Protein backbone atom coordinates (compact mmCIF):
# COMPACT_ATOMS: atom_id res chain seq x y z
CA MET A 1 0.00 0.00 0.00
CA ASN A 2 1.34 3.41 -0.94
CA ILE A 3 0.00 6.45 0.93
CA GLU A 4 0.36 9.71 -1.00
CA LYS A 5 -1.33 13.08 -0.89
CA TYR A 6 -2.70 12.57 2.60
CA ILE A 7 -2.30 14.33 5.91
CA LEU A 8 -0.33 11.85 7.99
CA ALA A 9 -0.25 13.82 11.25
CA VAL A 10 -1.06 17.17 12.81
CA VAL A 11 1.16 18.87 15.38
CA THR A 12 -0.38 21.70 17.38
CA THR A 13 -0.28 23.80 20.51
CA ASN A 14 -4.02 24.44 20.24
CA PRO A 15 -6.11 21.26 19.84
CA LYS A 16 -9.30 23.31 19.40
CA ARG A 17 -8.06 24.32 15.94
CA VAL A 18 -7.62 20.76 14.67
CA PRO A 19 -10.46 18.68 13.21
CA SER A 20 -10.83 15.03 14.11
CA GLY A 21 -9.78 12.27 11.75
CA ALA A 22 -6.02 12.70 11.85
CA SER A 23 -3.29 11.68 14.26
CA VAL A 24 -2.87 14.75 16.45
CA PHE A 25 0.16 15.55 18.59
CA VAL A 26 -0.58 18.27 21.16
CA CYS A 27 2.48 20.20 22.34
CA GLU A 28 3.03 22.63 25.21
CA ASN A 29 4.92 25.30 23.24
CA LYS A 30 6.38 26.28 19.85
CA GLU A 31 9.77 24.66 20.53
CA GLU A 32 8.17 21.30 21.34
CA MET A 33 5.93 21.61 18.28
CA ASP A 34 8.98 22.22 16.04
CA TYR A 35 10.73 19.20 17.59
CA TYR A 36 7.77 16.89 16.94
CA ALA A 37 7.24 18.17 13.39
CA THR A 38 10.91 17.66 12.50
CA ASN A 39 10.99 14.13 13.90
CA LEU A 40 7.66 13.13 12.36
CA GLU A 41 8.90 14.30 8.96
CA ALA A 42 11.74 11.78 9.18
CA ILE A 43 9.73 8.97 10.75
CA LEU A 44 6.80 9.21 8.34
CA ASP A 45 8.91 10.15 5.30
CA GLY A 46 6.73 13.23 4.86
CA ILE A 47 7.01 17.01 4.75
CA ALA A 48 5.94 19.40 7.52
CA HIS A 49 3.97 22.47 6.51
CA ALA A 50 3.20 25.32 8.91
CA ILE A 51 -0.47 26.15 8.49
CA THR A 52 -0.50 28.74 11.29
CA ASP A 53 1.77 29.58 14.21
CA GLU A 54 -0.13 26.89 16.16
CA VAL A 55 -0.51 24.11 13.57
CA TYR A 56 1.80 21.99 11.42
CA ILE A 57 0.59 19.25 9.11
CA ILE A 58 2.77 16.36 8.00
CA VAL A 59 1.89 15.29 4.47
CA LYS A 60 3.10 12.78 1.93
CA HIS A 61 3.42 14.26 -1.58
């Protein structure tokens, strides 16, 4: 199975801004959010995109 063009994960400091249906990682601050996004990029072989200052999405292109 090959997963492409999907949101693999969401990393946020504000869970109220994230819809259900994705794997969500809630962080305490911006530094922790950056750490999770960077590591999830490598683990999931995806790309992190900053949607807002509070939300990153990890996608597979």
